[in-house]
Structures are given as C-alpha cells and as structure tokens.
Amino acid sequence: MGNLTSCSCINQERLKEDQIITAAAKSDSAIGISYQKYESNMIPEIKEIYIKYLNGKGNSIRNIQIIDRGLGEIGCMLLSLIIPELPNLEELNLVSNQIGTSGAIKLSSELAKLDNLCILIIAYNHIGDDGIMAMSSAIPFLKNLKLISFEGNEITNEGAKNITNNLKEMEHLKIFNIKNNEITGRGMKKIAEALSDISTLEEFYFDIDEIRSKDLDIIEEILLGVSLNTHKEI
C-alpha cells in the first residue's frame, strides 16, 4: 500500500511538472517559444536547463558544464538565450564544443549579465582573435570572476591585445589560463603586465615553447609571487 501511495505521488509530481513545461513552452516568451521549437534537437545539458527554468527553478542553477558536445549555431543561440535568466549562475564551463568565432560573439553579448559568475572556462573552441575580442569585452562586467580559462583557442598576439585591455578590471581573479594558443613572448609580457595590477592573482598558466628565456625572466619579474604554471593542465 505504501509503495502504491509513493508511486502515485511520484506520478502526480511528474504530471505536474509536465503540465508546467507544456504551458510554459506554449507561452509567447522567447524561451518558451525556443523550447517548443528546438526541444527535439536540444542536447541533454541544455534541455535540462530549459526544463528547470520553465519549472520556475532557474534561480537554483549555479553550474553549467558542457564538454565535447558540438553546440553549433543553434546550441550557442539557445545557451545565449537562457543564461541571462540564471541570476545565480557561478560557473560556465564550455570545453571542446566547436563554438567558433560566431558562437563566442553570440555568447559574449549575454555574459555581461552574469553578475555572480566566478568561473569562466571557454577552452578548445576555436574562437580565434575575433572571438576573444568579443569575450574580453564582457570581462569588465564580471567583477566576481576568480578563474578564467581561454586555453586552446588559436589566439595570437592580436587577440592578446584585447585581453590586456580588459583584465585590469578584475578585482577577485585568482587563476588565469591562456595555455595552448599562439601568443609569443611579446604578447605574453603584455598580458603579464595587465595581470600585475590584480592583487588577488595566484596562478598564471601559459606556454613557454615560443618564449625566449629573456622574456620568461621578464614575465617572472613582472609577476613576482605569482605561480607560473607553464606545464600543468587545468
């Protein structure tokens, strides 16, 4: 009897959730319309986020982690649509999702609205210099960031300029990762100079393969007291 009652309660709860989702999806809100239109093509991670939001649980979402999913244009659009509605989001971790430059630009326009974001990882997504320019423009608005990783994104010295222009705004940054890109010693020194203004910085991840020992010495001097992780992975 107890099991039957338990099953009945579970079924009622599921029915209630289904009804909420159906009603919300049929609403004229952008998120409801998008869910209705793309639900069958959503990757599980994004679908779960939409369902929670449509059930009134958007405030409970603190972490988004999507790895090796190949988001594509539609996936980036759906993600950029929902993240501004998640006021308590603390971590956005996107690794190897083929975001590309266009995806980075689309996401960056909404990133600035994530006031509580502490961890931003956009790694191995081929965003390039134009993508990092867009992403960097959102950084000054993310005052609570403690960890930033742009590892493996085909960023050159040109893209590094955009990074340096905005890093100085960080007030709580502890870890910055720019490994596996195409930044030379000249560009890396510029980044180090920008990071030197951040009193909270503890670790800086970068490559030394293309950096002369003289430039490395300069970087070490600029970031005296900061751990330079030139070989470890993050």
Protein backbone atom coordinates (compact mmCIF):
# COMPACT_ATOMS: atom_id res chain seq x y z
CA MET A 1 0.00 0.00 0.00
CA GLY A 2 2.84 2.32 0.93
CA ASN A 3 4.58 1.66 -2.39
CA LEU A 4 1.40 2.40 -4.32
CA THR A 5 0.98 5.69 -2.49
CA SER A 6 4.63 6.57 -3.17
CA CYS A 7 4.28 5.75 -6.88
CA SER A 8 1.09 7.78 -7.08
CA CYS A 9 2.81 10.82 -5.55
CA ILE A 10 5.74 10.50 -7.94
CA ASN A 11 3.41 10.19 -10.93
CA GLN A 12 1.43 13.22 -9.80
CA GLU A 13 4.61 15.24 -9.39
CA ARG A 14 5.82 14.25 -12.86
CA LEU A 15 2.41 15.11 -14.33
CA LYS A 16 2.52 18.49 -12.61
CA GLU A 17 5.99 19.20 -14.00
CA ASP A 18 4.92 18.11 -17.49
CA GLN A 19 1.92 20.42 -17.32
CA ILE A 20 4.11 23.36 -16.23
CA ILE A 21 6.59 22.70 -19.02
CA THR A 22 3.85 22.34 -21.62
CA ALA A 23 2.13 25.54 -20.51
CA ALA A 24 5.39 27.50 -20.44
CA ALA A 25 6.51 26.14 -23.78
CA LYS A 26 3.28 27.32 -25.33
CA SER A 27 3.69 30.82 -23.92
CA ASP A 28 4.78 33.73 -26.04
CA SER A 29 8.07 34.19 -24.14
CA ALA A 30 11.27 33.82 -26.16
CA ILE A 31 12.42 30.91 -24.00
CA GLY A 32 9.07 29.14 -24.18
CA ILE A 33 8.94 29.53 -27.95
CA SER A 34 12.53 28.32 -28.32
CA TYR A 35 11.84 25.27 -26.17
CA GLN A 36 8.79 24.42 -28.22
CA LYS A 37 10.68 24.87 -31.49
CA TYR A 38 14.01 23.18 -30.66
CA GLU A 39 13.17 20.73 -27.86
CA SER A 40 13.66 17.65 -30.03
CA ASN A 41 17.13 18.84 -31.11
CA MET A 42 18.43 20.08 -27.76
CA ILE A 43 21.44 18.36 -26.25
CA PRO A 44 20.57 16.91 -22.81
CA GLU A 45 22.51 19.55 -20.86
CA ILE A 46 20.68 22.47 -22.45
CA LYS A 47 17.31 20.71 -22.32
CA GLU A 48 17.74 20.18 -18.59
CA ILE A 49 18.47 23.87 -18.08
CA TYR A 50 15.38 24.89 -20.04
CA ILE A 51 13.15 22.45 -18.15
CA LYS A 52 14.37 23.74 -14.78
CA TYR A 53 13.81 27.32 -15.85
CA LEU A 54 10.33 26.60 -17.23
CA ASN A 55 9.50 24.92 -13.92
CA GLY A 56 10.44 28.07 -12.05
CA LYS A 57 13.77 26.70 -10.80
CA GLY A 58 16.12 28.94 -12.75
CA ASN A 59 17.43 30.51 -9.55
CA SER A 60 18.74 27.12 -8.42
CA ILE A 61 21.08 26.71 -11.41
CA ARG A 62 24.63 27.55 -10.34
CA ASN A 63 26.71 25.47 -12.71
CA ILE A 64 26.69 24.82 -16.46
CA GLN A 65 29.20 22.30 -17.77
CA ILE A 66 29.09 21.18 -21.40
CA ILE A 67 32.01 19.17 -22.80
CA ASP A 68 32.55 17.62 -26.24
CA ARG A 69 29.03 18.32 -27.46
CA GLY A 70 29.44 20.34 -30.65
CA LEU A 71 26.95 23.07 -29.78
CA GLY A 72 26.88 24.64 -33.24
CA GLU A 73 24.94 27.76 -34.12
CA ILE A 74 21.62 26.61 -32.66
CA GLY A 75 23.18 25.37 -29.43
CA CYS A 76 25.01 28.67 -28.90
CA MET A 77 21.81 30.57 -29.63
CA LEU A 78 19.82 28.52 -27.12
CA LEU A 79 22.52 28.91 -24.48
CA SER A 80 22.86 32.65 -25.01
CA LEU A 81 19.09 32.99 -24.68
CA ILE A 82 18.84 31.21 -21.34
CA ILE A 83 21.96 32.31 -19.41
CA PRO A 84 20.76 35.88 -18.72
CA GLU A 85 17.78 34.32 -16.93
CA LEU A 86 20.02 32.48 -14.45
CA PRO A 87 20.93 35.15 -11.86
CA ASN A 88 22.77 32.75 -9.55
CA LEU A 89 24.98 31.11 -12.18
CA GLU A 90 28.51 30.81 -10.74
CA GLU A 91 30.28 28.58 -13.28
CA LEU A 92 30.15 28.42 -17.09
CA ASN A 93 32.38 25.61 -18.32
CA LEU A 94 32.39 25.04 -22.09
CA VAL A 95 35.14 22.76 -23.42
CA SER A 96 35.55 21.42 -26.96
CA ASN A 97 32.09 22.39 -28.18
CA GLN A 98 33.06 23.89 -31.56
CA ILE A 99 31.71 27.29 -30.56
CA GLY A 100 33.85 29.13 -33.10
CA THR A 101 34.03 32.89 -33.57
CA SER A 102 30.31 33.37 -34.25
CA GLY A 103 29.33 31.38 -31.17
CA ALA A 104 31.73 33.35 -28.99
CA ILE A 105 30.29 36.62 -30.25
CA LYS A 106 26.74 35.42 -29.59
CA LEU A 107 27.52 34.24 -26.06
CA SER A 108 29.60 37.27 -25.13
CA SER A 109 26.67 39.62 -25.64
CA GLU A 110 24.89 37.90 -22.73
CA LEU A 111 27.87 37.08 -20.49
CA ALA A 112 28.00 40.59 -19.07
CA LYS A 113 24.66 39.97 -17.35
CA LEU A 114 26.01 37.18 -15.14
CA ASP A 115 26.82 39.22 -12.04
CA ASN A 116 27.61 36.19 -9.85
CA LEU A 117 29.82 34.30 -12.31
CA CYS A 118 33.03 33.11 -10.60
CA ILE A 119 34.38 30.60 -13.13
CA LEU A 120 34.53 31.14 -16.89
CA ILE A 121 36.08 28.36 -18.98
CA ILE A 122 35.92 28.69 -22.76
CA ALA A 123 38.55 26.16 -23.84
CA TYR A 124 39.36 24.42 -27.14
CA ASN A 125 36.54 26.09 -29.01
CA HIS A 126 38.39 27.69 -31.98
CA ILE A 127 37.15 31.16 -31.12
CA GLY A 128 40.26 32.92 -32.51
CA ASP A 129 41.17 36.60 -32.17
CA ASP A 130 37.74 37.94 -33.10
CA GLY A 131 36.10 35.59 -30.62
CA ILE A 132 38.43 36.57 -27.80
CA MET A 133 37.82 40.23 -28.60
CA ALA A 134 34.10 39.66 -28.05
CA MET A 135 34.62 37.58 -24.92
CA SER A 136 37.06 40.09 -23.45
CA SER A 137 34.55 42.90 -23.84
CA ALA A 138 32.30 41.17 -21.29
CA ILE A 139 35.06 40.68 -18.69
CA PRO A 140 34.91 44.16 -17.09
CA PHE A 141 31.29 43.50 -16.12
CA LEU A 142 32.08 40.18 -14.42
CA LYS A 143 33.52 41.59 -11.22
CA ASN A 144 33.31 38.30 -9.29
CA LEU A 145 35.39 36.18 -11.66
CA LYS A 146 38.03 34.13 -9.86
CA LEU A 147 39.08 31.80 -12.67
CA ILE A 148 39.29 32.48 -16.41
CA SER A 149 40.46 29.94 -18.98
CA PHE A 150 40.79 30.64 -22.69
CA GLU A 151 43.04 27.64 -23.26
CA GLY A 152 43.47 26.25 -26.78
CA ASN A 153 41.58 28.81 -28.87
CA GLU A 154 44.05 29.82 -31.62
CA ILE A 155 44.59 33.24 -30.06
CA THR A 156 47.54 35.27 -31.38
CA ASN A 157 49.28 38.45 -30.19
CA GLU A 158 46.49 40.43 -31.84
CA GLY A 159 43.91 38.75 -29.66
CA ALA A 160 46.15 39.17 -26.63
CA LYS A 161 45.82 42.95 -27.01
CA ASN A 162 42.10 42.70 -26.36
CA ILE A 163 42.69 40.56 -23.30
CA THR A 164 45.09 43.05 -21.76
CA ASN A 165 42.69 45.94 -22.32
CA ASN A 166 40.13 44.37 -20.01
CA LEU A 167 41.97 42.26 -17.44
CA LYS A 168 42.81 45.28 -15.31
CA GLU A 169 39.16 45.50 -14.31
CA MET A 170 39.32 42.19 -12.42
CA GLU A 171 39.10 42.59 -8.64
CA HIS A 172 38.99 38.97 -7.46
CA LEU A 173 40.79 36.98 -10.17
CA LYS A 174 42.97 34.17 -8.81
CA ILE A 175 43.71 31.99 -11.85
CA PHE A 176 44.21 32.96 -15.48
CA ASN A 177 44.84 30.30 -18.14
CA ILE A 178 45.95 31.14 -21.68
CA LYS A 179 47.82 27.91 -22.49
CA ASN A 180 47.96 26.26 -25.92
CA ASN A 181 47.44 29.36 -28.02
CA GLU A 182 49.71 31.20 -30.48
CA ILE A 183 50.91 34.07 -28.30
CA THR A 184 54.61 34.91 -28.42
CA GLY A 185 56.79 36.33 -25.67
CA ARG A 186 55.88 39.88 -26.68
CA GLY A 187 52.18 39.24 -26.30
CA MET A 188 52.65 37.25 -23.10
CA LYS A 189 54.61 40.10 -21.50
CA LYS A 190 51.70 42.43 -22.23
CA ILE A 191 49.29 40.02 -20.56
CA ALA A 192 51.63 39.70 -17.58
CA GLU A 193 51.75 43.49 -17.23
CA ALA A 194 47.94 43.60 -17.16
CA LEU A 195 47.80 40.78 -14.62
CA SER A 196 50.33 42.54 -12.39
CA ASP A 197 47.63 45.05 -11.43
CA ILE A 198 45.48 42.28 -9.95
CA SER A 199 46.44 41.87 -6.30
CA THR A 200 44.44 38.66 -5.87
CA LEU A 201 46.16 36.73 -8.70
CA GLU A 202 47.72 33.44 -7.58
CA GLU A 203 48.34 31.40 -10.76
CA PHE A 204 49.08 32.16 -14.41
CA TYR A 205 49.00 29.29 -16.93
CA PHE A 206 50.84 29.86 -20.22
CA ASP A 207 53.21 28.17 -22.70
CA ILE A 208 56.94 28.76 -22.91
CA ASP A 209 57.67 26.88 -26.15
CA GLU A 210 57.82 30.06 -28.24
CA ILE A 211 59.08 32.33 -25.48
CA ARG A 212 62.74 33.28 -25.16
CA SER A 213 64.37 32.76 -21.78
CA LYS A 214 64.93 36.52 -21.57
CA ASP A 215 61.20 37.18 -21.99
CA LEU A 216 60.38 34.48 -19.43
CA ASP A 217 62.68 36.17 -16.94
CA ILE A 218 60.85 39.45 -17.52
CA ILE A 219 57.46 37.78 -17.01
CA GLU A 220 58.67 36.21 -13.78
CA GLU A 221 59.88 39.59 -12.58
CA ILE A 222 56.60 41.29 -13.52
CA LEU A 223 54.55 38.65 -11.70
CA LEU A 224 56.77 38.18 -8.71
CA GLY A 225 54.99 36.00 -6.16
CA VAL A 226 52.54 34.55 -8.72
CA SER A 227 52.79 30.82 -9.52
CA LEU A 228 53.64 30.45 -13.22
CA ASN A 229 52.24 27.09 -14.30
CA THR A 230 53.87 26.59 -17.68
CA HIS A 231 53.40 22.81 -17.86
CA LYS A 232 50.46 21.80 -15.67
CA GLU A 233 47.00 21.31 -17.12
CA ILE A 234 43.86 22.96 -15.79
